[in-house]
Amino acid sequence: MTGVIHIVDDDDAVRRSLRWLLESVDLQVLEYSDAVSFLTYADLTQLGCVLLDIRMPGMSGLTLQGELASKAPDLPVILMTGHGDVPMAVRAMKAGAYDFFEKPYNDQLLLDTVTKAIEQHQQRLSEQAQILTVEQRRTRLTRREEQVLQCLLEGEPSKKIADRLNISVRTVDVHRHHIMTKMQVVSLADLIRVCLEAQSH
């Protein structure tokens, strides 16, 4: 598993310490001293996670988290907090942060959490790629095949679809075969599952 850990903290010593820890287990690290430079230079589409300090001059960590929620909602954010920031960290968790750590943090626990965050992000990226593939395949359907597919997704049998679209049952079955071929599925159950999963995201 590869991925980039983005450290966003205005404290040089904290960034150096985190970089040393993460690189000691062969993780790739990028550093940013403020939120604006992170938003300017970071690749938000890349596999990884963000280690984010809550209190920073200029744009705060919580404000940056809000930006990420709209720009890259699946990118995991792990907050680094001082003792007095715990209530803010809890609010951030409720707003979608992956986890938070009080300074000083437990090194092994932080490494384990980073690893799990990247695994979660990898799963989300895979799901997104699968959804995009389903949507791309669906664009290959003809207008009539899309109508038949809509009926199938509503649970209608071939006879009812035929009556609704004013075509023969045989024609419905031919369309269904073409739909399954274009969508690259082997059964009606698979067809319905992939389409509903794509629609639910």
N, C-alpha and C. Protein backbone atom coordinates (compact mmCIF):
# COMPACT_ATOMS: atom_id res chain seq x y z
N MET A 1 0.84 -1.19 0.00
CA MET A 1 0.00 0.00 0.00
C MET A 1 0.88 1.25 0.00
N THR A 2 0.68 2.12 -0.96
CA THR A 2 1.40 3.38 -0.99
C THR A 2 0.42 4.51 -0.73
N GLY A 3 0.94 5.65 -0.39
CA GLY A 3 0.09 6.80 -0.11
C GLY A 3 0.95 7.92 0.42
N VAL A 4 0.41 9.12 0.38
CA VAL A 4 1.14 10.29 0.84
C VAL A 4 0.49 10.82 2.12
N ILE A 5 1.31 11.05 3.14
CA ILE A 5 0.82 11.67 4.37
C ILE A 5 1.18 13.14 4.31
N HIS A 6 0.17 14.00 4.33
CA HIS A 6 0.37 15.44 4.29
C HIS A 6 0.39 15.96 5.73
N ILE A 7 1.50 16.55 6.14
CA ILE A 7 1.59 17.15 7.47
C ILE A 7 1.38 18.66 7.33
N VAL A 8 0.34 19.17 7.99
CA VAL A 8 0.05 20.61 7.93
C VAL A 8 0.14 21.15 9.36
N ASP A 9 1.25 21.83 9.63
CA ASP A 9 1.50 22.34 10.99
C ASP A 9 2.49 23.49 10.89
N ASP A 10 2.26 24.57 11.61
CA ASP A 10 3.14 25.73 11.53
C ASP A 10 4.41 25.57 12.38
N ASP A 11 4.47 24.50 13.18
CA ASP A 11 5.62 24.26 14.07
C ASP A 11 6.64 23.37 13.34
N ASP A 12 7.81 23.93 13.03
CA ASP A 12 8.84 23.18 12.30
C ASP A 12 9.26 21.92 13.03
N ALA A 13 9.39 22.01 14.35
CA ALA A 13 9.85 20.86 15.14
C ALA A 13 8.84 19.72 15.09
N VAL A 14 7.56 20.06 15.14
CA VAL A 14 6.51 19.03 15.06
C VAL A 14 6.54 18.35 13.70
N ARG A 15 6.70 19.15 12.66
CA ARG A 15 6.74 18.56 11.31
C ARG A 15 7.94 17.63 11.15
N ARG A 16 9.10 18.06 11.65
CA ARG A 16 10.31 17.21 11.56
C ARG A 16 10.12 15.91 12.32
N SER A 17 9.54 16.00 13.51
CA SER A 17 9.32 14.81 14.33
C SER A 17 8.36 13.84 13.65
N LEU A 18 7.28 14.36 13.10
CA LEU A 18 6.30 13.52 12.41
C LEU A 18 6.91 12.90 11.16
N ARG A 19 7.67 13.70 10.42
CA ARG A 19 8.32 13.17 9.20
C ARG A 19 9.24 12.01 9.56
N TRP A 20 10.07 12.20 10.59
CA TRP A 20 11.00 11.13 11.00
C TRP A 20 10.23 9.87 11.36
N LEU A 21 9.15 10.02 12.13
CA LEU A 21 8.36 8.86 12.57
C LEU A 21 7.75 8.13 11.36
N LEU A 22 7.13 8.87 10.47
CA LEU A 22 6.43 8.27 9.34
C LEU A 22 7.40 7.66 8.33
N GLU A 23 8.52 8.35 8.08
CA GLU A 23 9.50 7.82 7.13
C GLU A 23 10.24 6.62 7.70
N SER A 24 10.22 6.46 9.02
CA SER A 24 10.88 5.30 9.63
C SER A 24 10.18 3.99 9.27
N VAL A 25 8.92 4.09 8.83
CA VAL A 25 8.19 2.90 8.38
C VAL A 25 7.88 3.00 6.88
N ASP A 26 8.74 3.77 6.18
CA ASP A 26 8.72 3.87 4.71
C ASP A 26 7.45 4.50 4.15
N LEU A 27 6.85 5.40 4.90
CA LEU A 27 5.71 6.16 4.37
C LEU A 27 6.22 7.44 3.71
N GLN A 28 5.51 7.85 2.66
CA GLN A 28 5.89 9.07 1.94
C GLN A 28 5.24 10.28 2.62
N VAL A 29 6.03 11.32 2.83
CA VAL A 29 5.56 12.48 3.60
C VAL A 29 5.77 13.77 2.81
N LEU A 30 4.78 14.65 2.88
CA LEU A 30 4.91 16.02 2.37
C LEU A 30 4.54 16.97 3.50
N GLU A 31 5.29 18.08 3.62
CA GLU A 31 5.07 19.03 4.71
C GLU A 31 4.54 20.37 4.19
N TYR A 32 3.71 21.00 5.02
CA TYR A 32 3.18 22.33 4.72
C TYR A 32 3.13 23.12 6.03
N SER A 33 3.60 24.36 5.99
CA SER A 33 3.63 25.17 7.20
C SER A 33 2.34 25.93 7.44
N ASP A 34 1.44 25.91 6.46
CA ASP A 34 0.15 26.58 6.66
C ASP A 34 -0.89 25.97 5.72
N ALA A 35 -2.14 26.29 5.98
CA ALA A 35 -3.26 25.69 5.24
C ALA A 35 -3.29 26.12 3.79
N VAL A 36 -2.93 27.40 3.54
CA VAL A 36 -3.00 27.92 2.17
C VAL A 36 -2.02 27.20 1.26
N SER A 37 -0.79 26.97 1.74
CA SER A 37 0.19 26.27 0.91
C SER A 37 -0.26 24.82 0.65
N PHE A 38 -0.88 24.21 1.64
CA PHE A 38 -1.41 22.86 1.42
C PHE A 38 -2.47 22.86 0.32
N LEU A 39 -3.43 23.76 0.40
CA LEU A 39 -4.48 23.83 -0.62
C LEU A 39 -3.92 24.17 -2.00
N THR A 40 -2.82 24.91 -2.02
CA THR A 40 -2.22 25.32 -3.29
C THR A 40 -1.47 24.18 -3.96
N TYR A 41 -0.73 23.41 -3.17
CA TYR A 41 0.21 22.45 -3.76
C TYR A 41 -0.18 20.98 -3.62
N ALA A 42 -1.02 20.63 -2.68
CA ALA A 42 -1.33 19.21 -2.44
C ALA A 42 -2.23 18.65 -3.53
N ASP A 43 -1.97 17.41 -3.91
CA ASP A 43 -2.83 16.68 -4.85
C ASP A 43 -3.91 15.97 -4.03
N LEU A 44 -5.11 16.54 -4.03
CA LEU A 44 -6.18 16.02 -3.19
C LEU A 44 -6.82 14.75 -3.76
N THR A 45 -6.46 14.39 -4.99
CA THR A 45 -7.02 13.17 -5.60
C THR A 45 -6.16 11.94 -5.28
N GLN A 46 -5.01 12.15 -4.71
CA GLN A 46 -4.04 11.09 -4.47
C GLN A 46 -4.39 10.30 -3.21
N LEU A 47 -4.03 9.03 -3.21
CA LEU A 47 -4.21 8.20 -2.02
C LEU A 47 -3.38 8.77 -0.88
N GLY A 48 -3.98 8.88 0.31
CA GLY A 48 -3.21 9.36 1.45
C GLY A 48 -4.10 9.81 2.59
N CYS A 49 -3.53 10.64 3.47
CA CYS A 49 -4.29 11.24 4.56
C CYS A 49 -3.61 12.53 4.98
N VAL A 50 -4.28 13.29 5.85
CA VAL A 50 -3.77 14.59 6.28
C VAL A 50 -3.61 14.58 7.80
N LEU A 51 -2.42 14.93 8.28
CA LEU A 51 -2.19 15.18 9.70
C LEU A 51 -2.24 16.69 9.89
N LEU A 52 -3.23 17.15 10.60
CA LEU A 52 -3.56 18.58 10.59
C LEU A 52 -3.59 19.16 11.99
N ASP A 53 -2.80 20.23 12.20
CA ASP A 53 -2.82 20.94 13.46
C ASP A 53 -4.06 21.84 13.52
N ILE A 54 -4.73 21.85 14.66
CA ILE A 54 -5.95 22.66 14.78
C ILE A 54 -5.63 24.15 14.82
N ARG A 55 -4.63 24.52 15.62
CA ARG A 55 -4.32 25.95 15.80
C ARG A 55 -3.15 26.35 14.90
N MET A 56 -3.43 27.18 13.91
CA MET A 56 -2.39 27.71 13.03
C MET A 56 -2.71 29.16 12.72
N PRO A 57 -1.68 29.98 12.49
CA PRO A 57 -1.96 31.35 12.07
C PRO A 57 -2.62 31.37 10.70
N GLY A 58 -3.39 32.40 10.44
CA GLY A 58 -4.11 32.46 9.17
C GLY A 58 -5.29 31.51 9.20
N MET A 59 -5.40 30.66 8.21
CA MET A 59 -6.50 29.70 8.16
C MET A 59 -6.27 28.61 9.20
N SER A 60 -7.23 28.42 10.09
CA SER A 60 -7.09 27.40 11.14
C SER A 60 -7.28 26.00 10.57
N GLY A 61 -6.89 25.02 11.38
CA GLY A 61 -7.07 23.64 10.96
C GLY A 61 -8.53 23.28 10.75
N LEU A 62 -9.41 23.83 11.60
CA LEU A 62 -10.83 23.54 11.45
C LEU A 62 -11.40 24.14 10.18
N THR A 63 -10.93 25.33 9.82
CA THR A 63 -11.38 25.95 8.57
C THR A 63 -10.89 25.13 7.38
N LEU A 64 -9.64 24.68 7.45
CA LEU A 64 -9.10 23.84 6.38
C LEU A 64 -9.88 22.54 6.28
N GLN A 65 -10.23 21.97 7.42
CA GLN A 65 -11.03 20.74 7.39
C GLN A 65 -12.34 20.98 6.65
N GLY A 66 -12.96 22.14 6.90
CA GLY A 66 -14.19 22.47 6.20
C GLY A 66 -13.99 22.57 4.70
N GLU A 67 -12.85 23.16 4.29
CA GLU A 67 -12.52 23.24 2.85
C GLU A 67 -12.38 21.84 2.25
N LEU A 68 -11.69 20.97 2.99
CA LEU A 68 -11.47 19.61 2.49
C LEU A 68 -12.78 18.83 2.40
N ALA A 69 -13.70 19.12 3.30
CA ALA A 69 -14.98 18.42 3.29
C ALA A 69 -15.71 18.64 1.97
N SER A 70 -15.49 19.81 1.34
CA SER A 70 -16.14 20.09 0.06
C SER A 70 -15.26 19.71 -1.13
N LYS A 71 -13.95 19.87 -0.99
CA LYS A 71 -13.04 19.60 -2.11
C LYS A 71 -12.64 18.13 -2.23
N ALA A 72 -12.44 17.46 -1.09
CA ALA A 72 -11.98 16.05 -1.08
C ALA A 72 -12.59 15.35 0.12
N PRO A 73 -13.90 15.10 0.09
CA PRO A 73 -14.59 14.59 1.28
C PRO A 73 -14.12 13.22 1.75
N ASP A 74 -13.49 12.44 0.87
CA ASP A 74 -13.06 11.10 1.27
C ASP A 74 -11.63 11.07 1.81
N LEU A 75 -10.89 12.18 1.67
CA LEU A 75 -9.51 12.22 2.15
C LEU A 75 -9.51 12.27 3.68
N PRO A 76 -8.97 11.26 4.37
CA PRO A 76 -9.04 11.23 5.84
C PRO A 76 -8.20 12.35 6.47
N VAL A 77 -8.78 12.99 7.47
CA VAL A 77 -8.10 14.05 8.21
C VAL A 77 -7.92 13.61 9.66
N ILE A 78 -6.66 13.57 10.10
CA ILE A 78 -6.34 13.25 11.49
C ILE A 78 -5.85 14.54 12.15
N LEU A 79 -6.52 14.97 13.19
CA LEU A 79 -6.21 16.24 13.83
C LEU A 79 -5.18 16.06 14.94
N MET A 80 -4.28 17.05 15.03
CA MET A 80 -3.29 17.10 16.10
C MET A 80 -3.69 18.25 17.01
N THR A 81 -3.88 17.97 18.29
CA THR A 81 -4.42 18.99 19.17
C THR A 81 -3.59 19.15 20.43
N GLY A 82 -3.59 20.39 20.94
CA GLY A 82 -3.09 20.62 22.28
C GLY A 82 -4.18 20.27 23.28
N HIS A 83 -3.83 20.21 24.55
CA HIS A 83 -4.78 19.78 25.57
C HIS A 83 -6.07 20.59 25.54
N GLY A 84 -5.94 21.92 25.39
CA GLY A 84 -7.14 22.77 25.44
C GLY A 84 -8.00 22.69 24.21
N ASP A 85 -7.53 21.97 23.19
CA ASP A 85 -8.27 21.93 21.92
C ASP A 85 -9.17 20.71 21.80
N VAL A 86 -9.22 19.87 22.83
CA VAL A 86 -9.98 18.62 22.73
C VAL A 86 -11.47 18.88 22.39
N PRO A 87 -12.15 19.84 23.03
CA PRO A 87 -13.55 20.09 22.63
C PRO A 87 -13.69 20.44 21.15
N MET A 88 -12.74 21.22 20.63
CA MET A 88 -12.76 21.54 19.20
C MET A 88 -12.54 20.29 18.36
N ALA A 89 -11.64 19.43 18.82
CA ALA A 89 -11.36 18.18 18.09
C ALA A 89 -12.59 17.29 18.05
N VAL A 90 -13.32 17.24 19.15
CA VAL A 90 -14.54 16.43 19.20
C VAL A 90 -15.56 16.97 18.19
N ARG A 91 -15.68 18.29 18.13
CA ARG A 91 -16.60 18.89 17.14
C ARG A 91 -16.15 18.55 15.72
N ALA A 92 -14.84 18.57 15.51
CA ALA A 92 -14.31 18.25 14.19
C ALA A 92 -14.59 16.79 13.83
N MET A 93 -14.51 15.90 14.83
CA MET A 93 -14.84 14.49 14.58
C MET A 93 -16.29 14.37 14.12
N LYS A 94 -17.17 15.10 14.77
CA LYS A 94 -18.57 15.06 14.39
C LYS A 94 -18.78 15.63 12.99
N ALA A 95 -17.85 16.51 12.57
CA ALA A 95 -17.93 17.10 11.22
C ALA A 95 -17.23 16.24 10.18
N GLY A 96 -16.71 15.06 10.60
CA GLY A 96 -16.17 14.13 9.61
C GLY A 96 -14.69 13.83 9.70
N ALA A 97 -13.97 14.41 10.69
CA ALA A 97 -12.55 14.07 10.84
C ALA A 97 -12.40 12.58 11.15
N TYR A 98 -11.29 11.99 10.71
CA TYR A 98 -11.08 10.56 10.90
C TYR A 98 -10.74 10.24 12.36
N ASP A 99 -9.88 11.07 12.97
CA ASP A 99 -9.46 10.83 14.35
C ASP A 99 -8.75 12.08 14.85
N PHE A 100 -8.44 12.11 16.14
CA PHE A 100 -7.60 13.20 16.64
C PHE A 100 -6.65 12.68 17.71
N PHE A 101 -5.50 13.36 17.81
CA PHE A 101 -4.47 12.99 18.78
C PHE A 101 -4.07 14.20 19.59
N GLU A 102 -4.00 14.00 20.89
CA GLU A 102 -3.47 15.04 21.76
C GLU A 102 -1.95 14.97 21.74
N LYS A 103 -1.31 16.14 21.72
CA LYS A 103 0.14 16.19 21.84
C LYS A 103 0.50 16.15 23.34
N PRO A 104 1.54 15.38 23.74
CA PRO A 104 2.33 14.48 22.90
C PRO A 104 1.56 13.19 22.61
N TYR A 105 1.74 12.65 21.44
CA TYR A 105 0.97 11.50 21.00
C TYR A 105 1.79 10.21 21.14
N ASN A 106 1.08 9.10 21.15
CA ASN A 106 1.71 7.78 21.17
C ASN A 106 2.11 7.41 19.73
N ASP A 107 3.41 7.22 19.52
CA ASP A 107 3.93 7.01 18.16
C ASP A 107 3.27 5.82 17.47
N GLN A 108 3.22 4.68 18.14
CA GLN A 108 2.69 3.47 17.50
C GLN A 108 1.21 3.61 17.19
N LEU A 109 0.47 4.22 18.12
CA LEU A 109 -0.95 4.42 17.90
C LEU A 109 -1.19 5.35 16.71
N LEU A 110 -0.36 6.37 16.60
CA LEU A 110 -0.49 7.28 15.46
C LEU A 110 -0.20 6.56 14.14
N LEU A 111 0.87 5.75 14.13
CA LEU A 111 1.21 5.00 12.91
C LEU A 111 0.08 4.04 12.54
N ASP A 112 -0.48 3.35 13.51
CA ASP A 112 -1.58 2.43 13.25
C ASP A 112 -2.78 3.17 12.67
N THR A 113 -3.07 4.34 13.23
CA THR A 113 -4.22 5.12 12.76
C THR A 113 -4.01 5.64 11.35
N VAL A 114 -2.80 6.11 11.06
CA VAL A 114 -2.47 6.57 9.70
C VAL A 114 -2.65 5.43 8.70
N THR A 115 -2.16 4.24 9.06
CA THR A 115 -2.28 3.08 8.18
C THR A 115 -3.75 2.74 7.90
N LYS A 116 -4.57 2.75 8.95
CA LYS A 116 -5.99 2.46 8.78
C LYS A 116 -6.70 3.54 7.96
N ALA A 117 -6.29 4.78 8.15
CA ALA A 117 -6.90 5.88 7.39
C ALA A 117 -6.60 5.74 5.91
N ILE A 118 -5.36 5.37 5.59
CA ILE A 118 -5.00 5.19 4.18
C ILE A 118 -5.74 4.00 3.58
N GLU A 119 -5.88 2.92 4.36
CA GLU A 119 -6.64 1.76 3.88
C GLU A 119 -8.08 2.15 3.58
N GLN A 120 -8.68 2.96 4.47
CA GLN A 120 -10.05 3.42 4.22
C GLN A 120 -10.13 4.27 2.97
N HIS A 121 -9.14 5.15 2.79
CA HIS A 121 -9.14 6.01 1.61
C HIS A 121 -8.99 5.18 0.34
N GLN A 122 -8.13 4.17 0.40
CA GLN A 122 -7.94 3.28 -0.75
C GLN A 122 -9.25 2.59 -1.13
N GLN A 123 -9.99 2.15 -0.12
CA GLN A 123 -11.27 1.50 -0.38
C GLN A 123 -12.26 2.48 -1.02
N ARG A 124 -12.29 3.71 -0.51
CA ARG A 124 -13.19 4.71 -1.07
C ARG A 124 -12.84 5.04 -2.52
N LEU A 125 -11.54 5.17 -2.79
CA LEU A 125 -11.10 5.47 -4.16
C LEU A 125 -11.47 4.32 -5.10
N SER A 126 -11.33 3.08 -4.62
CA SER A 126 -11.71 1.92 -5.44
C SER A 126 -13.20 1.92 -5.72
N GLU A 127 -14.01 2.26 -4.71
CA GLU A 127 -15.46 2.33 -4.90
C GLU A 127 -15.82 3.41 -5.91
N GLN A 128 -15.15 4.56 -5.82
CA GLN A 128 -15.42 5.64 -6.76
C GLN A 128 -15.08 5.24 -8.19
N ALA A 129 -13.94 4.54 -8.34
CA ALA A 129 -13.53 4.09 -9.67
C ALA A 129 -14.54 3.11 -10.24
N GLN A 130 -15.07 2.24 -9.37
CA GLN A 130 -16.06 1.26 -9.82
C GLN A 130 -17.35 1.96 -10.24
N ILE A 131 -17.76 2.95 -9.46
CA ILE A 131 -18.98 3.71 -9.78
C ILE A 131 -18.81 4.42 -11.11
N LEU A 132 -17.64 5.04 -11.32
CA LEU A 132 -17.37 5.75 -12.56
C LEU A 132 -17.43 4.79 -13.74
N THR A 133 -16.88 3.58 -13.55
CA THR A 133 -16.90 2.57 -14.61
C THR A 133 -18.34 2.19 -14.96
N VAL A 134 -19.17 1.99 -13.94
CA VAL A 134 -20.58 1.65 -14.17
C VAL A 134 -21.27 2.76 -14.94
N GLU A 135 -21.03 4.00 -14.54
CA GLU A 135 -21.67 5.13 -15.21
C GLU A 135 -21.21 5.25 -16.66
N GLN A 136 -19.92 5.00 -16.90
CA GLN A 136 -19.39 5.07 -18.26
C GLN A 136 -20.02 3.98 -19.13
N ARG A 137 -20.15 2.77 -18.58
CA ARG A 137 -20.77 1.68 -19.35
C ARG A 137 -22.23 2.00 -19.64
N ARG A 138 -22.88 2.63 -18.69
CA ARG A 138 -24.30 2.93 -18.86
C ARG A 138 -24.54 3.93 -20.00
N THR A 139 -23.56 4.80 -20.25
CA THR A 139 -23.71 5.76 -21.35
C THR A 139 -23.73 5.08 -22.72
N ARG A 140 -23.30 3.83 -22.78
CA ARG A 140 -23.29 3.09 -24.06
C ARG A 140 -24.68 2.53 -24.41
N LEU A 141 -25.58 2.54 -23.46
CA LEU A 141 -26.91 1.99 -23.71
C LEU A 141 -27.70 2.90 -24.66
N THR A 142 -28.49 2.26 -25.51
CA THR A 142 -29.40 3.04 -26.37
C THR A 142 -30.54 3.59 -25.50
N ARG A 143 -31.31 4.49 -26.07
CA ARG A 143 -32.44 5.07 -25.33
C ARG A 143 -33.42 3.97 -24.90
N ARG A 144 -33.71 3.03 -25.78
CA ARG A 144 -34.63 1.95 -25.45
C ARG A 144 -34.04 1.02 -24.38
N GLU A 145 -32.73 0.73 -24.48
CA GLU A 145 -32.09 -0.12 -23.47
C GLU A 145 -32.12 0.56 -22.09
N GLU A 146 -31.96 1.87 -22.07
CA GLU A 146 -32.03 2.61 -20.80
C GLU A 146 -33.44 2.53 -20.22
N GLN A 147 -34.46 2.58 -21.09
CA GLN A 147 -35.84 2.44 -20.62
C GLN A 147 -36.07 1.06 -20.01
N VAL A 148 -35.57 0.03 -20.69
CA VAL A 148 -35.72 -1.34 -20.18
C VAL A 148 -34.97 -1.48 -18.86
N LEU A 149 -33.77 -0.90 -18.77
CA LEU A 149 -33.00 -0.97 -17.54
C LEU A 149 -33.75 -0.31 -16.39
N GLN A 150 -34.34 0.85 -16.62
CA GLN A 150 -35.11 1.52 -15.58
C GLN A 150 -36.24 0.62 -15.06
N CYS A 151 -36.90 -0.05 -15.97
CA CYS A 151 -37.98 -0.97 -15.58
C CYS A 151 -37.43 -2.14 -14.76
N LEU A 152 -36.28 -2.67 -15.17
CA LEU A 152 -35.66 -3.77 -14.43
C LEU A 152 -35.29 -3.33 -13.01
N LEU A 153 -34.78 -2.10 -12.89
CA LEU A 153 -34.39 -1.58 -11.58
C LEU A 153 -35.61 -1.36 -10.69
N GLU A 154 -36.77 -1.18 -11.31
CA GLU A 154 -38.01 -1.03 -10.54
C GLU A 154 -38.63 -2.39 -10.21
N GLY A 155 -37.96 -3.48 -10.66
CA GLY A 155 -38.41 -4.82 -10.32
C GLY A 155 -39.50 -5.38 -11.22
N GLU A 156 -39.68 -4.79 -12.40
CA GLU A 156 -40.75 -5.25 -13.28
C GLU A 156 -40.30 -6.47 -14.09
N PRO A 157 -41.18 -7.47 -14.26
CA PRO A 157 -40.87 -8.64 -15.09
C PRO A 157 -40.98 -8.29 -16.58
N SER A 158 -40.45 -9.17 -17.41
CA SER A 158 -40.41 -8.90 -18.86
C SER A 158 -41.78 -8.63 -19.45
N LYS A 159 -42.80 -9.38 -19.01
CA LYS A 159 -44.15 -9.20 -19.56
C LYS A 159 -44.67 -7.78 -19.28
N LYS A 160 -44.45 -7.32 -18.06
CA LYS A 160 -44.93 -5.98 -17.70
C LYS A 160 -44.14 -4.90 -18.44
N ILE A 161 -42.82 -5.14 -18.61
CA ILE A 161 -41.99 -4.19 -19.35
C ILE A 161 -42.46 -4.10 -20.79
N ALA A 162 -42.76 -5.27 -21.36
CA ALA A 162 -43.23 -5.30 -22.75
C ALA A 162 -44.51 -4.49 -22.90
N ASP A 163 -45.46 -4.67 -21.98
CA ASP A 163 -46.73 -3.92 -22.04
C ASP A 163 -46.48 -2.43 -21.87
N ARG A 164 -45.61 -2.10 -20.95
CA ARG A 164 -45.34 -0.67 -20.65
C ARG A 164 -44.69 0.04 -21.82
N LEU A 165 -43.76 -0.66 -22.51
CA LEU A 165 -43.03 -0.03 -23.61
C LEU A 165 -43.63 -0.35 -24.98
N ASN A 166 -44.72 -1.14 -24.95
CA ASN A 166 -45.41 -1.50 -26.19
C ASN A 166 -44.49 -2.24 -27.16
N ILE A 167 -43.75 -3.21 -26.60
CA ILE A 167 -42.89 -4.07 -27.42
C ILE A 167 -43.14 -5.51 -26.98
N SER A 168 -42.58 -6.48 -27.72
CA SER A 168 -42.80 -7.88 -27.38
C SER A 168 -41.88 -8.32 -26.25
N VAL A 169 -42.29 -9.40 -25.57
CA VAL A 169 -41.47 -9.96 -24.51
C VAL A 169 -40.11 -10.39 -25.07
N ARG A 170 -40.13 -10.94 -26.28
CA ARG A 170 -38.88 -11.37 -26.93
C ARG A 170 -37.93 -10.17 -27.12
N THR A 171 -38.49 -9.04 -27.51
CA THR A 171 -37.67 -7.84 -27.70
C THR A 171 -37.10 -7.35 -26.36
N VAL A 172 -37.91 -7.44 -25.32
CA VAL A 172 -37.42 -7.08 -23.98
C VAL A 172 -36.23 -7.95 -23.61
N ASP A 173 -36.34 -9.26 -23.86
CA ASP A 173 -35.26 -10.18 -23.51
C ASP A 173 -33.99 -9.89 -24.32
N VAL A 174 -34.17 -9.50 -25.58
CA VAL A 174 -33.01 -9.14 -26.42
C VAL A 174 -32.33 -7.89 -25.85
N HIS A 175 -33.15 -6.88 -25.50
CA HIS A 175 -32.60 -5.66 -24.90
C HIS A 175 -31.86 -5.98 -23.60
N ARG A 176 -32.46 -6.86 -22.80
CA ARG A 176 -31.85 -7.21 -21.51
C ARG A 176 -30.48 -7.86 -21.73
N HIS A 177 -30.40 -8.73 -22.73
CA HIS A 177 -29.12 -9.37 -23.06
C HIS A 177 -28.08 -8.32 -23.47
N HIS A 178 -28.51 -7.37 -24.31
CA HIS A 178 -27.59 -6.32 -24.75
C HIS A 178 -27.14 -5.45 -23.57
N ILE A 179 -28.06 -5.15 -22.67
CA ILE A 179 -27.75 -4.34 -21.49
C ILE A 179 -26.69 -5.04 -20.64
N MET A 180 -26.90 -6.34 -20.39
CA MET A 180 -25.97 -7.09 -19.55
C MET A 180 -24.60 -7.20 -20.20
N THR A 181 -24.58 -7.32 -21.53
CA THR A 181 -23.30 -7.37 -22.24
C THR A 181 -22.56 -6.05 -22.12
N LYS A 182 -23.27 -4.95 -22.36
CA LYS A 182 -22.64 -3.62 -22.30
C LYS A 182 -22.22 -3.25 -20.87
N MET A 183 -22.99 -3.69 -19.89
CA MET A 183 -22.67 -3.38 -18.50
C MET A 183 -21.67 -4.38 -17.90
N GLN A 184 -21.33 -5.42 -18.68
CA GLN A 184 -20.33 -6.42 -18.30
C GLN A 184 -20.69 -7.12 -16.98
N VAL A 185 -21.94 -7.60 -16.93
CA VAL A 185 -22.39 -8.39 -15.79
C VAL A 185 -22.90 -9.73 -16.30
N VAL A 186 -22.93 -10.72 -15.40
CA VAL A 186 -23.29 -12.08 -15.83
C VAL A 186 -24.69 -12.48 -15.40
N SER A 187 -25.32 -11.68 -14.53
CA SER A 187 -26.66 -12.04 -14.09
C SER A 187 -27.48 -10.78 -13.86
N LEU A 188 -28.80 -10.96 -13.84
CA LEU A 188 -29.69 -9.84 -13.57
C LEU A 188 -29.43 -9.27 -12.18
N ALA A 189 -29.14 -10.15 -11.22
CA ALA A 189 -28.86 -9.70 -9.85
C ALA A 189 -27.63 -8.79 -9.82
N ASP A 190 -26.59 -9.17 -10.56
CA ASP A 190 -25.38 -8.34 -10.62
C ASP A 190 -25.68 -6.99 -11.26
N LEU A 191 -26.49 -7.01 -12.31
CA LEU A 191 -26.85 -5.77 -13.00
C LEU A 191 -27.54 -4.81 -12.04
N ILE A 192 -28.52 -5.30 -11.33
CA ILE A 192 -29.28 -4.46 -10.40
C ILE A 192 -28.37 -3.97 -9.27
N ARG A 193 -27.51 -4.85 -8.77
CA ARG A 193 -26.63 -4.48 -7.65
C ARG A 193 -25.68 -3.33 -8.04
N VAL A 194 -24.99 -3.47 -9.19
CA VAL A 194 -24.01 -2.45 -9.55
C VAL A 194 -24.68 -1.11 -9.87
N CYS A 195 -25.87 -1.18 -10.47
CA CYS A 195 -26.58 0.06 -10.80
C CYS A 195 -27.08 0.77 -9.53
N LEU A 196 -27.62 0.00 -8.61
CA LEU A 196 -28.13 0.60 -7.37
C LEU A 196 -27.00 1.13 -6.51
N GLU A 197 -25.86 0.42 -6.50
CA GLU A 197 -24.71 0.91 -5.73
C GLU A 197 -24.20 2.22 -6.29
N ALA A 198 -24.17 2.33 -7.63
CA ALA A 198 -23.71 3.56 -8.25
C ALA A 198 -24.66 4.71 -7.97
N GLN A 199 -25.96 4.43 -7.96
CA GLN A 199 -26.96 5.46 -7.70
C GLN A 199 -26.95 5.94 -6.25
N SER A 200 -26.51 5.06 -5.34
CA SER A 200 -26.57 5.41 -3.92
C SER A 200 -25.41 6.30 -3.48
N HIS A 201 -24.40 6.48 -4.36
CA HIS A 201 -23.25 7.30 -4.00
C HIS A 201 -23.39 8.69 -4.62
